[in-house]
Amino acid sequence: METSTLVTIFISGLLVNFTGYALYTAFGQPSQQLRDPIEEHED
């Protein structure tokens, strides 16, 4: 394989992994620990 192909595959893999982790953090199990500071100050 050429170097440019390997670099493209590597960067694409990083992008997919980062996006998946961000979605998991936002909507998965860890999201239960997030707090909403705006909701805390609503009266």
N, C-alpha and C. Protein backbone atom coordinates (compact mmCIF):
# COMPACT_ATOMS: atom_id res chain seq x y z
N MET A 1 0.84 -1.19 0.00
CA MET A 1 0.00 0.00 0.00
C MET A 1 0.88 1.24 0.00
N GLU A 2 0.35 2.26 -0.58
CA GLU A 2 1.09 3.50 -0.60
C GLU A 2 0.93 4.24 0.72
N THR A 3 1.85 5.12 1.00
CA THR A 3 1.86 5.86 2.25
C THR A 3 0.61 6.73 2.39
N SER A 4 0.20 7.35 1.31
CA SER A 4 -0.98 8.23 1.38
C SER A 4 -2.24 7.45 1.72
N THR A 5 -2.35 6.21 1.24
CA THR A 5 -3.51 5.38 1.55
C THR A 5 -3.53 5.03 3.03
N LEU A 6 -2.38 4.68 3.57
CA LEU A 6 -2.30 4.33 4.98
C LEU A 6 -2.61 5.53 5.87
N VAL A 7 -2.12 6.69 5.50
CA VAL A 7 -2.39 7.90 6.27
C VAL A 7 -3.88 8.23 6.23
N THR A 8 -4.50 8.08 5.07
CA THR A 8 -5.93 8.35 4.93
C THR A 8 -6.75 7.39 5.78
N ILE A 9 -6.40 6.11 5.76
CA ILE A 9 -7.10 5.12 6.58
C ILE A 9 -6.92 5.42 8.06
N PHE A 10 -5.72 5.80 8.46
CA PHE A 10 -5.44 6.09 9.86
C PHE A 10 -6.24 7.30 10.35
N ILE A 11 -6.25 8.37 9.56
CA ILE A 11 -6.98 9.58 9.95
C ILE A 11 -8.48 9.31 9.96
N SER A 12 -8.97 8.56 9.00
CA SER A 12 -10.39 8.21 8.97
C SER A 12 -10.77 7.37 10.19
N GLY A 13 -9.92 6.44 10.58
CA GLY A 13 -10.17 5.63 11.76
C GLY A 13 -10.20 6.47 13.02
N LEU A 14 -9.29 7.42 13.13
CA LEU A 14 -9.29 8.31 14.29
C LEU A 14 -10.57 9.13 14.36
N LEU A 15 -11.01 9.63 13.22
CA LEU A 15 -12.22 10.44 13.16
C LEU A 15 -13.44 9.62 13.57
N VAL A 16 -13.55 8.41 13.07
CA VAL A 16 -14.69 7.54 13.41
C VAL A 16 -14.66 7.18 14.90
N ASN A 17 -13.49 6.86 15.42
CA ASN A 17 -13.38 6.51 16.84
C ASN A 17 -13.71 7.69 17.73
N PHE A 18 -13.22 8.87 17.39
CA PHE A 18 -13.50 10.06 18.19
C PHE A 18 -14.99 10.39 18.17
N THR A 19 -15.61 10.29 17.00
CA THR A 19 -17.03 10.57 16.88
C THR A 19 -17.85 9.56 17.69
N GLY A 20 -17.48 8.30 17.61
CA GLY A 20 -18.18 7.28 18.39
C GLY A 20 -18.05 7.50 19.88
N TYR A 21 -16.86 7.86 20.34
CA TYR A 21 -16.66 8.11 21.76
C TYR A 21 -17.45 9.34 22.22
N ALA A 22 -17.48 10.37 21.38
CA ALA A 22 -18.23 11.58 21.73
C ALA A 22 -19.72 11.28 21.84
N LEU A 23 -20.25 10.50 20.92
CA LEU A 23 -21.66 10.12 20.98
C LEU A 23 -21.96 9.26 22.20
N TYR A 24 -21.04 8.34 22.52
CA TYR A 24 -21.23 7.49 23.70
C TYR A 24 -21.22 8.33 24.97
N THR A 25 -20.31 9.30 25.04
CA THR A 25 -20.23 10.16 26.22
C THR A 25 -21.47 11.04 26.35
N ALA A 26 -21.99 11.51 25.22
CA ALA A 26 -23.14 12.42 25.24
C ALA A 26 -24.45 11.69 25.52
N PHE A 27 -24.62 10.49 24.98
CA PHE A 27 -25.92 9.83 25.06
C PHE A 27 -25.88 8.48 25.76
N GLY A 28 -24.71 7.95 26.04
CA GLY A 28 -24.59 6.62 26.64
C GLY A 28 -24.63 6.68 28.16
N GLN A 29 -24.10 5.65 28.77
CA GLN A 29 -24.11 5.52 30.23
C GLN A 29 -23.45 6.70 30.95
N PRO A 30 -22.30 7.22 30.50
CA PRO A 30 -21.68 8.34 31.23
C PRO A 30 -22.53 9.61 31.25
N SER A 31 -23.51 9.74 30.36
CA SER A 31 -24.30 10.96 30.33
C SER A 31 -25.18 11.11 31.57
N GLN A 32 -25.37 10.04 32.32
CA GLN A 32 -26.17 10.12 33.53
C GLN A 32 -25.47 10.95 34.61
N GLN A 33 -24.15 11.08 34.51
CA GLN A 33 -23.38 11.82 35.51
C GLN A 33 -23.24 13.30 35.15
N LEU A 34 -23.65 13.68 33.93
CA LEU A 34 -23.53 15.08 33.53
C LEU A 34 -24.59 15.92 34.23
N ARG A 35 -24.26 17.16 34.52
CA ARG A 35 -25.23 18.04 35.16
C ARG A 35 -25.54 19.19 34.22
N ASP A 36 -26.69 19.79 34.39
CA ASP A 36 -27.12 20.91 33.57
C ASP A 36 -27.15 22.15 34.45
N PRO A 37 -26.12 23.02 34.36
CA PRO A 37 -26.07 24.18 35.24
C PRO A 37 -27.23 25.16 35.02
N ILE A 38 -27.79 25.21 33.81
CA ILE A 38 -28.92 26.10 33.56
C ILE A 38 -30.16 25.59 34.31
N GLU A 39 -30.34 24.28 34.28
CA GLU A 39 -31.51 23.70 34.96
C GLU A 39 -31.41 23.87 36.47
N GLU A 40 -30.19 23.89 37.01
CA GLU A 40 -30.01 24.04 38.44
C GLU A 40 -30.41 25.43 38.92
N HIS A 41 -30.33 26.44 38.05
CA HIS A 41 -30.61 27.82 38.46
C HIS A 41 -32.00 28.30 38.04
N GLU A 42 -32.79 27.41 37.38
CA GLU A 42 -34.15 27.81 37.03
C GLU A 42 -35.05 27.79 38.25
N ASP A 43 -35.83 28.83 38.39
CA ASP A 43 -36.77 28.88 39.50
C ASP A 43 -38.14 29.28 39.01
